[in-house]
Amino acid sequence: MKKPELLVPASSLEVLKVAVIFGADAVYIGGEAFGLRAKAKNFSMADMEEGIQFAHERQVKVYVTANILAHNEDLEEAREYFAELKRIQPDALIISDPGIFLIAKEICPEIEIHISTQANNTNYGTYRFWHKLGAKRVVSARELSLREISEIRENIPEEMEIETFIHGAMCISYSGRCLLSNYFTGRDANHGACTHPCRWKYAVVEETRPGEYLPVYENERGTYIFNSKDLCMIGHIPQLIQAGIDSFKIEGRMKTALYVATVARTYRKAIDDYFISEEVWREQMPWYLEQIVGCTYRQFTTGFFFGKPDETSQIYDSNTYVKDYTYLGMVGEEKEGCYQIEQRNKFSVGEAIEVMKPDGRNIKAAVKRILDEDGNEMESAPHPKQVLYIDLGQPLAEFDILRRQEKEEQKNE
């Protein structure tokens, strides 16, 4: 069996480095245009170039999203954008629009093209179509079962690759092609500006009684009728491999370094363990499940893989995440026994925290000292993105992740 690629999202240069260090085989990122995550930090061309160099030095690939559904005014700008990408040479472009596809083939024919899930890829005829046009890989629609993916594998050229989402947020609309955001707010989901109206609370209005809002609810808090649980396939690695999937894709280009580190590390170990033996993989399952809840999530579902989801795949009483841990920062350079971090959430001297290591270890530690950039002692770190130096009483390594476990009453905030 061929070991599948682990493909991990990155919202910024910092998160790209975390993804690479914590086990990704490939990372997908978005530039400042043409991607479907306009609210993500995204990459300047300079950061993209640095990220590609960082990844390539560690034998990790980088794919760039350009998967908007384009309008006329986008096409000329796309030509300029692809000319810049040609210079920095990512490993692939992720595209959904046929017009954008043709421009990419013309401007940078040497770069692989992967067809985005936004193109609604639900059958092997579609895969064959894109293969004839020169696409290397197609991302399957989230609405496919494992049986359907297996049938696609059997009916497409051997060299053509299947990429499939196996973890992360689900969309209420078909393959993410949604009009709700544009209708309610004027922000086009298919241009990267989704306001996530599927997570909002709704009521019903009877047409002869305008202004009288009838709640749709499961309890006194109301209901979130479009609000899906998150996909998690950590317990089904063998079936995913047997279906012939070449690339296991994690959703989350809006996520923090803590989320990316946690999910990448867990799936990296699960895949590697399975290729040692299925018995090892099964023995380690409690560890995978314990780790995967160490980042934000909305409960879990297996999506469409084993048939159409039913009412248990939705969350009706809340649109909030469960959060077991809070991200504090990533370890940088060492200076006189202290380690640099850029603080992301408040913590204090004496507080108990954890150090996440790429090899799977979680080391408990106590904050012994906090210094500002000038060497002044601080009792706490209250200012987001402040550069600090900390002493945890033990050696750390660059790219270690610092996190704090939340108390039970804070987990659903």
Foldseek 3Di string as FASTA:
>chain_A
DDQFFEEFEALFLLLLLLLLQLAGQEYEFEACFQAQANVGNGDHLVSVLVSQVSNVVSNHAYEYENAFQDDPVVLVVLLVVLLSCLVSDGQEYEYAYPSSVVSNCVRRVPHAYEYALVNAAQALVVVQVVVVVPHQEYEHWLQDALVRLLVSCVRHDVRRAYEYEAWWADFLDTSQCDCVQCVPPVAHSSRNRRPPLLLDFAFDDDVVGPPDTHFDADDPQGWSQSAFFIGHCLVPVVSNVVSPHRYHYYDDSRDDSLLSSLVNNLSSCLSVQVVVHVVSNVVCVVVSVVSNLQAWTRDYDNDDHPHHDDPVRGGIRHSFTFHFKDFFFFWDDDDPQWTKTFGAAKDFAQDWKWWAHSNGDIHIFGWHWKAAPVGDTDGMDHDGRGIIITHRPDDDDGGTTIMHGDDPVPRRD
